[in-house]
Amino acid sequence: MSHSERRVASPCVNICALDDEDICIGCQRTAAEITRWNWLDDEERRTVLARCHERARASGQLL
């Protein structure tokens, strides 16, 4: 990766609290996804972000 390329950024919004299913109410990542985030490559990060989006949609957080 060159210096001009950036890694896929964390979806953290500093609302860090897990619900009963161990999913963060702020970013919609699971506890395991949060823990592993720094070791994921960009493709894996995009996959996690897609799952977060689907979780947010399913929970009614997205219109």
Protein backbone atom coordinates (compact mmCIF):
# COMPACT_ATOMS: atom_id res chain seq x y z
CA MET A 1 0.00 0.00 0.00
CA SER A 2 1.41 3.38 -0.95
CA HIS A 3 1.49 6.36 1.39
CA SER A 4 -1.36 7.99 -0.55
CA GLU A 5 -3.70 5.01 -0.03
CA ARG A 6 -5.77 4.86 3.14
CA ARG A 7 -7.07 1.79 4.89
CA VAL A 8 -10.83 1.38 5.15
CA ALA A 9 -11.75 3.45 8.20
CA SER A 10 -13.42 2.10 11.30
CA PRO A 11 -17.16 2.72 11.49
CA CYS A 12 -16.85 3.60 15.20
CA VAL A 13 -19.00 6.60 16.17
CA ASN A 14 -17.93 6.63 19.83
CA ILE A 15 -21.22 5.19 21.07
CA CYS A 16 -19.65 2.03 22.45
CA ALA A 17 -22.23 -0.21 24.07
CA LEU A 18 -23.11 -3.80 23.23
CA ASP A 19 -26.71 -4.97 23.09
CA ASP A 20 -27.95 -8.38 24.26
CA GLU A 21 -26.63 -9.96 21.06
CA ASP A 22 -23.11 -8.48 21.52
CA ILE A 23 -23.64 -5.97 18.71
CA CYS A 24 -22.50 -2.38 19.25
CA ILE A 25 -25.45 -0.01 19.22
CA GLY A 26 -23.24 2.69 17.68
CA CYS A 27 -21.46 1.02 14.77
CA GLN A 28 -23.39 -2.27 14.47
CA ARG A 29 -20.24 -4.41 14.65
CA THR A 30 -20.15 -7.54 16.76
CA ALA A 31 -17.73 -7.73 19.66
CA ALA A 32 -15.60 -10.13 17.59
CA GLU A 33 -15.53 -7.76 14.60
CA ILE A 34 -14.49 -4.86 16.83
CA THR A 35 -11.71 -6.93 18.40
CA ARG A 36 -10.33 -8.12 15.04
CA TRP A 37 -10.74 -4.85 13.10
CA ASN A 38 -7.07 -3.77 13.20
CA TRP A 39 -5.95 -7.11 11.74
CA LEU A 40 -8.46 -7.23 8.86
CA ASP A 41 -7.43 -6.35 5.34
CA ASP A 42 -9.50 -3.83 3.38
CA GLU A 43 -11.59 -6.50 1.64
CA GLU A 44 -12.52 -8.03 5.00
CA ARG A 45 -13.28 -4.57 6.40
CA ARG A 46 -15.65 -3.87 3.51
CA THR A 47 -17.41 -7.16 4.22
CA VAL A 48 -17.82 -6.19 7.88
CA LEU A 49 -19.15 -2.77 6.86
CA ALA A 50 -21.72 -4.41 4.58
CA ARG A 51 -22.88 -6.60 7.48
CA CYS A 52 -23.09 -3.51 9.72
CA HIS A 53 -25.24 -1.80 7.11
CA GLU A 54 -27.57 -4.79 6.92
CA ARG A 55 -27.81 -4.98 10.71
CA ALA A 56 -28.65 -1.28 10.90
CA ARG A 57 -31.30 -1.68 8.21
CA ALA A 58 -32.80 -4.77 9.90
CA SER A 59 -32.98 -2.97 13.24
CA GLY A 60 -34.72 0.06 11.72
CA GLN A 61 -31.77 2.42 12.13
CA LEU A 62 -31.65 3.05 8.38
CA LEU A 63 -34.58 4.14 6.29
